[in-house]
C-alpha atoms as a PDB file:
ATOM      1  CA  PHE A   1       3.099  21.391  16.981  1.00  0.00           C
ATOM      2  CA  TYR A   2       5.186  19.643  14.305  1.00  0.00           C
ATOM      3  CA  LYS A   3       3.057  20.712  11.312  1.00  0.00           C
ATOM      4  CA  LYS A   4       2.894  24.230  12.631  1.00  0.00           C
ATOM      5  CA  ASN A   5       6.734  24.202  13.121  1.00  0.00           C
ATOM      6  CA  ALA A   6       6.374  24.823  16.812  1.00  0.00           C
ATOM      7  CA  LEU A   7       8.717  22.043  17.845  1.00  0.00           C
ATOM      8  CA  SER A   8      12.461  22.828  18.370  1.00  0.00           C
ATOM      9  CA  SER A   9      14.922  20.897  16.245  1.00  0.00           C
ATOM     10  CA  ASP A  10      16.165  19.216  19.385  1.00  0.00           C
ATOM     11  CA  ARG A  11      12.774  17.788  20.134  1.00  0.00           C
ATOM     12  CA  ILE A  12      12.314  16.703  16.602  1.00  0.00           C
ATOM     13  CA  GLN A  13      15.676  14.991  16.711  1.00  0.00           C
ATOM     14  CA  GLN A  14      14.742  13.302  19.953  1.00  0.00           C
ATOM     15  CA  LEU A  15      11.596  11.992  18.599  1.00  0.00           C
ATOM     16  CA  ASN A  16      13.190  10.816  15.467  1.00  0.00           C
ATOM     17  CA  SER A  17      15.747   8.915  17.498  1.00  0.00           C
ATOM     18  CA  ILE A  18      13.106   6.695  19.079  1.00  0.00           C
ATOM     19  CA  GLY A  19      11.310   6.093  15.735  1.00  0.00           C
ATOM     20  CA  PHE A  20       8.470   8.491  16.262  1.00  0.00           C
ATOM     21  CA  VAL A  21       5.809   8.257  13.416  1.00  0.00           C
ATOM     22  CA  TRP A  22       4.947  11.680  12.153  1.00  0.00           C
ATOM     23  CA  ASP A  23       2.306  10.683   9.715  1.00  0.00           C
ATOM     24  CA  PRO A  24       0.393   7.589  10.921  1.00  0.00           C
ATOM     25  CA  LEU A  25      -1.653   7.221   7.728  1.00  0.00           C
ATOM     26  CA  ASP A  26       1.367   7.346   5.544  1.00  0.00           C
ATOM     27  CA  TYR A  27       3.172   4.870   7.912  1.00  0.00           C
ATOM     28  CA  SER A  28       0.269   2.551   7.739  1.00  0.00           C
ATOM     29  CA  TRP A  29       0.182   2.714   3.910  1.00  0.00           C
ATOM     30  CA  ASN A  30       3.904   1.856   3.760  1.00  0.00           C
ATOM     31  CA  GLU A  31       3.442  -1.031   6.273  1.00  0.00           C
ATOM     32  CA  ASN A  32       0.711  -2.525   4.060  1.00  0.00           C
ATOM     33  CA  PHE A  33       2.761  -1.969   0.911  1.00  0.00           C
ATOM     34  CA  ASP A  34       5.670  -3.807   2.472  1.00  0.00           C
ATOM     35  CA  GLN A  35       3.361  -6.663   3.433  1.00  0.00           C
ATOM     36  CA  LEU A  36       2.049  -6.742  -0.176  1.00  0.00           C
ATOM     37  CA  CYS A  37       5.687  -6.931  -1.444  1.00  0.00           C
ATOM     38  CA  ALA A  38       6.319  -9.916   1.001  1.00  0.00           C
ATOM     39  CA  PHE A  39       3.149 -11.583  -0.220  1.00  0.00           C
ATOM     40  CA  LYS A  40       4.182 -11.105  -3.888  1.00  0.00           C
ATOM     41  CA  ALA A  41       7.618 -12.576  -3.128  1.00  0.00           C
ATOM     42  CA  GLN A  42       6.010 -15.663  -1.549  1.00  0.00           C
ATOM     43  CA  HIS A  43       3.152 -16.204  -3.918  1.00  0.00           C
ATOM     44  CA  GLY A  44       4.407 -14.729  -7.239  1.00  0.00           C
ATOM     45  CA  HIS A  45       1.522 -12.309  -7.571  1.00  0.00           C
ATOM     46  CA  SER A  46       0.009  -9.225  -5.824  1.00  0.00           C
ATOM     47  CA  ASN A  47      -3.588 -10.262  -6.202  1.00  0.00           C
ATOM     48  CA  VAL A  48      -4.467 -10.932  -2.578  1.00  0.00           C
ATOM     49  CA  SER A  49      -7.921 -12.149  -2.008  1.00  0.00           C
ATOM     50  CA  GLN A  50     -10.080 -10.773   0.814  1.00  0.00           C
ATOM     51  CA  ASN A  51     -11.140 -14.383   1.368  1.00  0.00           C
ATOM     52  CA  ASP A  52      -7.610 -15.413   2.096  1.00  0.00           C
ATOM     53  CA  THR A  53      -7.920 -16.244   5.835  1.00  0.00           C
ATOM     54  CA  GLN A  54      -4.209 -15.607   6.485  1.00  0.00           C
ATOM     55  CA  ASN A  55      -4.211 -12.221   4.632  1.00  0.00           C
ATOM     56  CA  LYS A  56      -7.692 -10.860   5.229  1.00  0.00           C
ATOM     57  CA  SER A  57      -6.660  -7.339   6.155  1.00  0.00           C
ATOM     58  CA  LEU A  58      -4.112  -7.192   3.385  1.00  0.00           C
ATOM     59  CA  GLY A  59      -6.821  -8.310   0.953  1.00  0.00           C
ATOM     60  CA  ARG A  60      -9.111  -5.564   2.166  1.00  0.00           C
ATOM     61  CA  TRP A  61      -6.292  -3.062   1.811  1.00  0.00           C
ATOM     62  CA  VAL A  62      -5.686  -4.137  -1.777  1.00  0.00           C
ATOM     63  CA  ILE A  63      -9.410  -3.698  -2.561  1.00  0.00           C
ATOM     64  CA  ARG A  64      -9.314  -0.144  -1.080  1.00  0.00           C
ATOM     65  CA  GLN A  65      -6.276   0.724  -3.272  1.00  0.00           C
ATOM     66  CA  ARG A  66      -8.313  -0.271  -6.302  1.00  0.00           C
ATOM     67  CA  MET A  67     -11.257   1.690  -5.140  1.00  0.00           C
ATOM     68  CA  PHE A  68      -9.119   4.819  -4.518  1.00  0.00           C
ATOM     69  CA  TYR A  69      -7.589   4.469  -7.919  1.00  0.00           C
ATOM     70  CA  LYS A  70     -10.962   4.275  -9.692  1.00  0.00           C
ATOM     71  CA  LYS A  71     -12.008   7.335  -7.897  1.00  0.00           C
ATOM     72  CA  ASN A  72      -8.737   9.152  -8.717  1.00  0.00           C
ATOM     73  CA  ALA A  73      -8.078   9.406  -4.941  1.00  0.00           C
ATOM     74  CA  LEU A  74      -4.668   7.701  -4.928  1.00  0.00           C
ATOM     75  CA  SER A  75      -1.536   9.800  -5.279  1.00  0.00           C
ATOM     76  CA  SER A  76       0.747   9.300  -8.387  1.00  0.00           C
ATOM     77  CA  ASP A  77       3.519   8.326  -5.950  1.00  0.00           C
ATOM     78  CA  ARG A  78       1.454   5.417  -4.611  1.00  0.00           C
ATOM     79  CA  ILE A  79       0.243   4.405  -8.068  1.00  0.00           C
ATOM     80  CA  GLN A  80       3.838   4.289  -9.171  1.00  0.00           C
ATOM     81  CA  GLN A  81       4.836   2.217  -6.098  1.00  0.00           C
ATOM     82  CA  LEU A  82       2.045  -0.248  -6.773  1.00  0.00           C
ATOM     83  CA  ASN A  83       2.806  -0.451 -10.478  1.00  0.00           C
ATOM     84  CA  SER A  84       6.491  -1.097  -9.745  1.00  0.00           C
ATOM     85  CA  ILE A  85       5.505  -4.478  -8.248  1.00  0.00           C
ATOM     86  CA  GLY A  86       3.032  -5.403 -10.990  1.00  0.00           C
ATOM     87  CA  PHE A  87      -0.055  -4.518  -8.994  1.00  0.00           C
ATOM     88  CA  ILE A  88      -3.297  -5.738 -10.753  1.00  0.00           C
ATOM     89  CA  TRP A  89      -5.687  -2.827 -10.864  1.00  0.00           C
ATOM     90  CA  ASP A  90      -8.644  -4.773 -12.379  1.00  0.00           C
ATOM     91  CA  PRO A  91      -8.521  -8.488 -11.425  1.00  0.00           C
ATOM     92  CA  PHE A  92     -11.484  -9.442 -13.607  1.00  0.00           C
ATOM     93  CA  ASP A  93      -9.972  -7.825 -16.638  1.00  0.00           C
ATOM     94  CA  HIS A  94      -6.678  -9.408 -15.826  1.00  0.00           C
ATOM     95  CA  THR A  95      -8.140 -12.804 -15.539  1.00  0.00           C
ATOM     96  CA  TRP A  96     -10.141 -12.554 -18.727  1.00  0.00           C
ATOM     97  CA  ASN A  97      -7.057 -11.468 -20.727  1.00  0.00           C
ATOM     98  CA  LYS A  98      -5.000 -14.235 -19.196  1.00  0.00           C
ATOM     99  CA  HIS A  99      -7.494 -16.898 -20.229  1.00  0.00           C
ATOM    100  CA  PHE A 100      -8.209 -15.319 -23.593  1.00  0.00           C
ATOM    101  CA  ASN A 101      -4.535 -15.315 -24.466  1.00  0.00           C
ATOM    102  CA  GLN A 102      -4.099 -19.033 -23.669  1.00  0.00           C
END
């Protein structure tokens, strides 16, 4: 109804007032991005390992973002958001360069 503009503005306002999520996929992406920002604040980097038992799902999300990026399936807005926190797109290349420059 919402995407077809079939909801009245009153109903939209009511749903907004209780924190209704209009786009669950977008909401989920933003939740994960916020978790990644918190991870970076705590650990000093955004390279979450999928083997990190405390952050397993966040690690999988990070891997999916890299996969989507390689397939050109990530929006420019999301790429920009991830770049803004120093997201590492290629961890192997990053590690190699880090050690090479030492």
